[in-house]
Amino acid sequence: MSDAATSEPCDACGDPTTDALARTVRLSVDRANIDTQRLCPDCFADWIRRYQDRMAGRDGDGGDSEIIVD
């Protein structure tokens, strides 16, 4: 049995990632899909860290952007 059919590259680093290990991050605005990313476990962990930092106000950009979660 080959993984070729179930293996696609990570959108962040480009490494091949099998379906069993891949994580999909979807961004939707007003129920419209804006972005979808397929990430390997390491890139997904990095994405989660960045998300947590930004939600906690530790993004470092000093901006006054407003995040609304529905």
PDB file of N, CA and C in Angstrom:
ATOM      1  N   MET A   1       0.848  -1.184   0.000  1.00  0.00           N
ATOM      2  CA  MET A   1       0.000   0.000   0.000  1.00  0.00           C
ATOM      3  C   MET A   1       0.884   1.235   0.000  1.00  0.00           C
ATOM      4  N   SER A   2       0.601   2.186  -0.864  1.00  0.00           N
ATOM      5  CA  SER A   2       1.420   3.391  -1.013  1.00  0.00           C
ATOM      6  C   SER A   2       0.726   4.594  -0.412  1.00  0.00           C
ATOM      7  N   ASP A   3       1.521   5.497   0.191  1.00  0.00           N
ATOM      8  CA  ASP A   3       0.949   6.737   0.726  1.00  0.00           C
ATOM      9  C   ASP A   3       0.880   7.814  -0.342  1.00  0.00           C
ATOM     10  N   ALA A   4       1.367   7.573  -1.542  1.00  0.00           N
ATOM     11  CA  ALA A   4       1.439   8.616  -2.560  1.00  0.00           C
ATOM     12  C   ALA A   4       0.094   9.314  -2.763  1.00  0.00           C
ATOM     13  N   ALA A   5      -0.975   8.568  -2.728  1.00  0.00           N
ATOM     14  CA  ALA A   5      -2.287   9.163  -2.955  1.00  0.00           C
ATOM     15  C   ALA A   5      -2.768   9.986  -1.767  1.00  0.00           C
ATOM     16  N   THR A   6      -2.225   9.728  -0.579  1.00  0.00           N
ATOM     17  CA  THR A   6      -2.682  10.436   0.613  1.00  0.00           C
ATOM     18  C   THR A   6      -1.618  11.381   1.163  1.00  0.00           C
ATOM     19  N   SER A   7      -0.605  11.688   0.389  1.00  0.00           N
ATOM     20  CA  SER A   7       0.477  12.540   0.854  1.00  0.00           C
ATOM     21  C   SER A   7       0.538  13.814   0.007  1.00  0.00           C
ATOM     22  N   GLU A   8       0.409  14.950   0.657  1.00  0.00           N
ATOM     23  CA  GLU A   8       0.520  16.246  -0.010  1.00  0.00           C
ATOM     24  C   GLU A   8       1.484  17.100   0.796  1.00  0.00           C
ATOM     25  N   PRO A   9       2.067  18.127   0.181  1.00  0.00           N
ATOM     26  CA  PRO A   9       3.031  18.944   0.915  1.00  0.00           C
ATOM     27  C   PRO A   9       2.366  19.875   1.933  1.00  0.00           C
ATOM     28  N   CYS A  10       3.113  20.173   2.968  1.00  0.00           N
ATOM     29  CA  CYS A  10       2.702  21.169   3.959  1.00  0.00           C
ATOM     30  C   CYS A  10       2.735  22.532   3.272  1.00  0.00           C
ATOM     31  N   ASP A  11       1.709  23.346   3.471  1.00  0.00           N
ATOM     32  CA  ASP A  11       1.662  24.661   2.833  1.00  0.00           C
ATOM     33  C   ASP A  11       2.689  25.627   3.402  1.00  0.00           C
ATOM     34  N   ALA A  12       3.209  25.356   4.593  1.00  0.00           N
ATOM     35  CA  ALA A  12       4.187  26.255   5.208  1.00  0.00           C
ATOM     36  C   ALA A  12       5.623  25.893   4.832  1.00  0.00           C
ATOM     37  N   CYS A  13       5.995  24.618   5.009  1.00  0.00           N
ATOM     38  CA  CYS A  13       7.397  24.236   4.784  1.00  0.00           C
ATOM     39  C   CYS A  13       7.603  23.414   3.518  1.00  0.00           C
ATOM     40  N   GLY A  14       6.533  22.854   2.957  1.00  0.00           N
ATOM     41  CA  GLY A  14       6.643  22.084   1.729  1.00  0.00           C
ATOM     42  C   GLY A  14       6.975  20.621   1.912  1.00  0.00           C
ATOM     43  N   ASP A  15       7.219  20.178   3.151  1.00  0.00           N
ATOM     44  CA  ASP A  15       7.502  18.766   3.388  1.00  0.00           C
ATOM     45  C   ASP A  15       6.261  17.925   3.132  1.00  0.00           C
ATOM     46  N   PRO A  16       6.424  16.720   2.590  1.00  0.00           N
ATOM     47  CA  PRO A  16       5.257  15.857   2.375  1.00  0.00           C
ATOM     48  C   PRO A  16       4.628  15.483   3.716  1.00  0.00           C
ATOM     49  N   THR A  17       3.314  15.494   3.780  1.00  0.00           N
ATOM     50  CA  THR A  17       2.595  15.174   5.006  1.00  0.00           C
ATOM     51  C   THR A  17       1.445  14.239   4.666  1.00  0.00           C
ATOM     52  N   THR A  18       1.405  13.089   5.313  1.00  0.00           N
ATOM     53  CA  THR A  18       0.309  12.160   5.054  1.00  0.00           C
ATOM     54  C   THR A  18      -0.962  12.676   5.710  1.00  0.00           C
ATOM     55  N   ASP A  19      -2.092  12.226   5.196  1.00  0.00           N
ATOM     56  CA  ASP A  19      -3.385  12.658   5.749  1.00  0.00           C
ATOM     57  C   ASP A  19      -3.482  12.396   7.242  1.00  0.00           C
ATOM     58  N   ALA A  20      -2.917  11.288   7.707  1.00  0.00           N
ATOM     59  CA  ALA A  20      -3.019  10.943   9.125  1.00  0.00           C
ATOM     60  C   ALA A  20      -2.320  11.963  10.023  1.00  0.00           C
ATOM     61  N   LEU A  21      -1.310  12.659   9.504  1.00  0.00           N
ATOM     62  CA  LEU A  21      -0.561  13.625  10.312  1.00  0.00           C
ATOM     63  C   LEU A  21      -0.927  15.080  10.016  1.00  0.00           C
ATOM     64  N   ALA A  22      -1.570  15.329   8.898  1.00  0.00           N
ATOM     65  CA  ALA A  22      -1.859  16.702   8.478  1.00  0.00           C
ATOM     66  C   ALA A  22      -2.935  17.340   9.349  1.00  0.00           C
ATOM     67  N   ARG A  23      -2.817  18.650   9.515  1.00  0.00           N
ATOM     68  CA  ARG A  23      -3.825  19.452  10.196  1.00  0.00           C
ATOM     69  C   ARG A  23      -4.262  20.516   9.212  1.00  0.00           C
ATOM     70  N   THR A  24      -5.547  20.809   9.170  1.00  0.00           N
ATOM     71  CA  THR A  24      -6.062  21.820   8.261  1.00  0.00           C
ATOM     72  C   THR A  24      -6.563  23.006   9.060  1.00  0.00           C
ATOM     73  N   VAL A  25      -6.075  24.189   8.704  1.00  0.00           N
ATOM     74  CA  VAL A  25      -6.495  25.437   9.340  1.00  0.00           C
ATOM     75  C   VAL A  25      -7.336  26.182   8.325  1.00  0.00           C
ATOM     76  N   ARG A  26      -8.569  26.548   8.693  1.00  0.00           N
ATOM     77  CA  ARG A  26      -9.470  27.257   7.785  1.00  0.00           C
ATOM     78  C   ARG A  26      -9.824  28.612   8.374  1.00  0.00           C
ATOM     79  N   LEU A  27      -9.761  29.633   7.561  1.00  0.00           N
ATOM     80  CA  LEU A  27     -10.164  30.974   7.946  1.00  0.00           C
ATOM     81  C   LEU A  27     -11.427  31.318   7.179  1.00  0.00           C
ATOM     82  N   SER A  28     -12.483  31.628   7.916  1.00  0.00           N
ATOM     83  CA  SER A  28     -13.762  31.982   7.298  1.00  0.00           C
ATOM     84  C   SER A  28     -14.220  33.334   7.815  1.00  0.00           C
ATOM     85  N   VAL A  29     -14.791  34.126   6.927  1.00  0.00           N
ATOM     86  CA  VAL A  29     -15.366  35.416   7.295  1.00  0.00           C
ATOM     87  C   VAL A  29     -16.791  35.424   6.779  1.00  0.00           C
ATOM     88  N   ASP A  30     -17.725  35.678   7.664  1.00  0.00           N
ATOM     89  CA  ASP A  30     -19.148  35.654   7.297  1.00  0.00           C
ATOM     90  C   ASP A  30     -19.498  34.373   6.557  1.00  0.00           C
ATOM     91  N   ARG A  31     -19.004  33.282   7.064  1.00  0.00           N
ATOM     92  CA  ARG A  31     -19.240  31.924   6.533  1.00  0.00           C
ATOM     93  C   ARG A  31     -18.632  31.679   5.152  1.00  0.00           C
ATOM     94  N   ALA A  32     -17.848  32.607   4.642  1.00  0.00           N
ATOM     95  CA  ALA A  32     -17.161  32.423   3.361  1.00  0.00           C
ATOM     96  C   ALA A  32     -15.722  31.991   3.636  1.00  0.00           C
ATOM     97  N   ASN A  33     -15.286  30.921   2.983  1.00  0.00           N
ATOM     98  CA  ASN A  33     -13.929  30.431   3.181  1.00  0.00           C
ATOM     99  C   ASN A  33     -12.931  31.405   2.559  1.00  0.00           C
ATOM    100  N   ILE A  34     -12.035  31.948   3.370  1.00  0.00           N
ATOM    101  CA  ILE A  34     -11.037  32.901   2.905  1.00  0.00           C
ATOM    102  C   ILE A  34      -9.707  32.209   2.621  1.00  0.00           C
ATOM    103  N   ASP A  35      -9.324  31.285   3.506  1.00  0.00           N
ATOM    104  CA  ASP A  35      -8.034  30.621   3.365  1.00  0.00           C
ATOM    105  C   ASP A  35      -8.107  29.250   4.015  1.00  0.00           C
ATOM    106  N   THR A  36      -7.427  28.279   3.430  1.00  0.00           N
ATOM    107  CA  THR A  36      -7.286  26.953   4.004  1.00  0.00           C
ATOM    108  C   THR A  36      -5.833  26.554   3.858  1.00  0.00           C
ATOM    109  N   GLN A  37      -5.226  26.081   4.945  1.00  0.00           N
ATOM    110  CA  GLN A  37      -3.831  25.659   4.914  1.00  0.00           C
ATOM    111  C   GLN A  37      -3.708  24.237   5.437  1.00  0.00           C
ATOM    112  N   ARG A  38      -2.939  23.436   4.731  1.00  0.00           N
ATOM    113  CA  ARG A  38      -2.619  22.081   5.174  1.00  0.00           C
ATOM    114  C   ARG A  38      -1.242  22.170   5.812  1.00  0.00           C
ATOM    115  N   LEU A  39      -1.133  21.768   7.081  1.00  0.00           N
ATOM    116  CA  LEU A  39       0.115  21.925   7.816  1.00  0.00           C
ATOM    117  C   LEU A  39       0.592  20.610   8.416  1.00  0.00           C
ATOM    118  N   CYS A  40       1.914  20.432   8.420  1.00  0.00           N
ATOM    119  CA  CYS A  40       2.507  19.283   9.097  1.00  0.00           C
ATOM    120  C   CYS A  40       2.449  19.550  10.608  1.00  0.00           C
ATOM    121  N   PRO A  41       2.690  18.553  11.443  1.00  0.00           N
ATOM    122  CA  PRO A  41       2.592  18.758  12.894  1.00  0.00           C
ATOM    123  C   PRO A  41       3.467  19.901  13.429  1.00  0.00           C
ATOM    124  N   ASP A  42       4.702  20.034  12.949  1.00  0.00           N
ATOM    125  CA  ASP A  42       5.587  21.104  13.442  1.00  0.00           C
ATOM    126  C   ASP A  42       5.078  22.486  13.043  1.00  0.00           C
ATOM    127  N   CYS A  43       4.666  22.644  11.804  1.00  0.00           N
ATOM    128  CA  CYS A  43       4.158  23.942  11.348  1.00  0.00           C
ATOM    129  C   CYS A  43       2.831  24.275  12.030  1.00  0.00           C
ATOM    130  N   PHE A  44       2.010  23.247  12.296  1.00  0.00           N
ATOM    131  CA  PHE A  44       0.751  23.476  13.013  1.00  0.00           C
ATOM    132  C   PHE A  44       1.046  23.964  14.428  1.00  0.00           C
ATOM    133  N   ALA A  45       2.032  23.378  15.094  1.00  0.00           N
ATOM    134  CA  ALA A  45       2.410  23.818  16.445  1.00  0.00           C
ATOM    135  C   ALA A  45       2.889  25.273  16.415  1.00  0.00           C
ATOM    136  N   ASP A  46       3.659  25.647  15.400  1.00  0.00           N
ATOM    137  CA  ASP A  46       4.099  27.039  15.251  1.00  0.00           C
ATOM    138  C   ASP A  46       2.903  27.965  15.031  1.00  0.00           C
ATOM    139  N   TRP A  47       1.941  27.518  14.210  1.00  0.00           N
ATOM    140  CA  TRP A  47       0.747  28.320  13.939  1.00  0.00           C
ATOM    141  C   TRP A  47      -0.044  28.544  15.226  1.00  0.00           C
ATOM    142  N   ILE A  48      -0.188  27.492  16.033  1.00  0.00           N
ATOM    143  CA  ILE A  48      -0.917  27.598  17.306  1.00  0.00           C
ATOM    144  C   ILE A  48      -0.212  28.591  18.230  1.00  0.00           C
ATOM    145  N   ARG A  49       1.125  28.532  18.314  1.00  0.00           N
ATOM    146  CA  ARG A  49       1.879  29.475  19.165  1.00  0.00           C
ATOM    147  C   ARG A  49       1.650  30.915  18.719  1.00  0.00           C
ATOM    148  N   ARG A  50       1.716  31.158  17.405  1.00  0.00           N
ATOM    149  CA  ARG A  50       1.493  32.517  16.889  1.00  0.00           C
ATOM    150  C   ARG A  50       0.070  32.978  17.202  1.00  0.00           C
ATOM    151  N   TYR A  51      -0.904  32.091  17.015  1.00  0.00           N
ATOM    152  CA  TYR A  51      -2.306  32.417  17.306  1.00  0.00           C
ATOM    153  C   TYR A  51      -2.472  32.772  18.785  1.00  0.00           C
ATOM    154  N   GLN A  52      -1.910  31.952  19.674  1.00  0.00           N
ATOM    155  CA  GLN A  52      -2.026  32.219  21.109  1.00  0.00           C
ATOM    156  C   GLN A  52      -1.355  33.544  21.485  1.00  0.00           C
ATOM    157  N   ASP A  53      -0.188  33.822  20.905  1.00  0.00           N
ATOM    158  CA  ASP A  53       0.509  35.083  21.182  1.00  0.00           C
ATOM    159  C   ASP A  53      -0.329  36.274  20.724  1.00  0.00           C
ATOM    160  N   ARG A  54      -0.903  36.176  19.541  1.00  0.00           N
ATOM    161  CA  ARG A  54      -1.710  37.292  19.025  1.00  0.00           C
ATOM    162  C   ARG A  54      -2.978  37.484  19.835  1.00  0.00           C
ATOM    163  N   MET A  55      -3.630  36.392  20.226  1.00  0.00           N
ATOM    164  CA  MET A  55      -4.848  36.497  21.022  1.00  0.00           C
ATOM    165  C   MET A  55      -4.560  37.056  22.410  1.00  0.00           C
ATOM    166  N   ALA A  56      -3.342  36.838  22.907  1.00  0.00           N
ATOM    167  CA  ALA A  56      -2.956  37.343  24.213  1.00  0.00           C
ATOM    168  C   ALA A  56      -2.385  38.762  24.113  1.00  0.00           C
ATOM    169  N   GLY A  57      -2.307  39.313  22.899  1.00  0.00           N
ATOM    170  CA  GLY A  57      -1.794  40.663  22.711  1.00  0.00           C
ATOM    171  C   GLY A  57      -0.284  40.741  22.695  1.00  0.00           C
ATOM    172  N   ARG A  58       0.378  39.609  22.415  1.00  0.00           N
ATOM    173  CA  ARG A  58       1.841  39.589  22.383  1.00  0.00           C
ATOM    174  C   ARG A  58       2.363  39.501  20.957  1.00  0.00           C
ATOM    175  N   ASP A  59       1.669  40.125  20.010  1.00  0.00           N
ATOM    176  CA  ASP A  59       2.085  39.994  18.613  1.00  0.00           C
ATOM    177  C   ASP A  59       3.263  40.884  18.258  1.00  0.00           C
ATOM    178  N   GLY A  60       3.565  41.860  19.093  1.00  0.00           N
ATOM    179  CA  GLY A  60       4.754  42.668  18.891  1.00  0.00           C
ATOM    180  C   GLY A  60       4.646  43.731  17.825  1.00  0.00           C
ATOM    181  N   ASP A  61       3.503  43.850  17.124  1.00  0.00           N
ATOM    182  CA  ASP A  61       3.435  44.862  16.074  1.00  0.00           C
ATOM    183  C   ASP A  61       2.960  46.204  16.595  1.00  0.00           C
ATOM    184  N   GLY A  62       2.441  46.224  17.823  1.00  0.00           N
ATOM    185  CA  GLY A  62       2.012  47.485  18.414  1.00  0.00           C
ATOM    186  C   GLY A  62       0.771  48.057  17.767  1.00  0.00           C
ATOM    187  N   GLY A  63       0.157  47.305  16.862  1.00  0.00           N
ATOM    188  CA  GLY A  63      -1.025  47.781  16.154  1.00  0.00           C
ATOM    189  C   GLY A  63      -2.252  47.776  17.042  1.00  0.00           C
ATOM    190  N   ASP A  64      -3.302  48.407  16.541  1.00  0.00           N
ATOM    191  CA  ASP A  64      -4.542  48.462  17.303  1.00  0.00           C
ATOM    192  C   ASP A  64      -5.631  47.671  16.595  1.00  0.00           C
ATOM    193  N   SER A  65      -5.242  46.569  15.946  1.00  0.00           N
ATOM    194  CA  SER A  65      -6.231  45.782  15.237  1.00  0.00           C
ATOM    195  C   SER A  65      -7.213  45.150  16.215  1.00  0.00           C
ATOM    196  N   GLU A  66      -8.419  44.963  15.731  1.00  0.00           N
ATOM    197  CA  GLU A  66      -9.464  44.396  16.552  1.00  0.00           C
ATOM    198  C   GLU A  66      -9.852  43.043  16.011  1.00  0.00           C
ATOM    199  N   ILE A  67      -9.879  42.037  16.873  1.00  0.00           N
ATOM    200  CA  ILE A  67     -10.255  40.689  16.467  1.00  0.00           C
ATOM    201  C   ILE A  67     -11.637  40.396  17.020  1.00  0.00           C
ATOM    202  N   ILE A  68     -12.547  39.993  16.152  1.00  0.00           N
ATOM    203  CA  ILE A  68     -13.899  39.655  16.558  1.00  0.00           C
ATOM    204  C   ILE A  68     -14.086  38.160  16.297  1.00  0.00           C
ATOM    205  N   VAL A  69     -14.435  37.421  17.340  1.00  0.00           N
ATOM    206  CA  VAL A  69     -14.684  35.993  17.204  1.00  0.00           C
ATOM    207  C   VAL A  69     -16.155  35.744  17.337  1.00  0.00           C
ATOM    208  N   ASP A  70     -16.727  35.096  16.339  1.00  0.00           N
ATOM    209  CA  ASP A  70     -18.163  34.831  16.345  1.00  0.00           C
ATOM    210  C   ASP A  70     -18.417  33.374  16.564  1.00  0.00           C
TER     211      ASP A  70
END
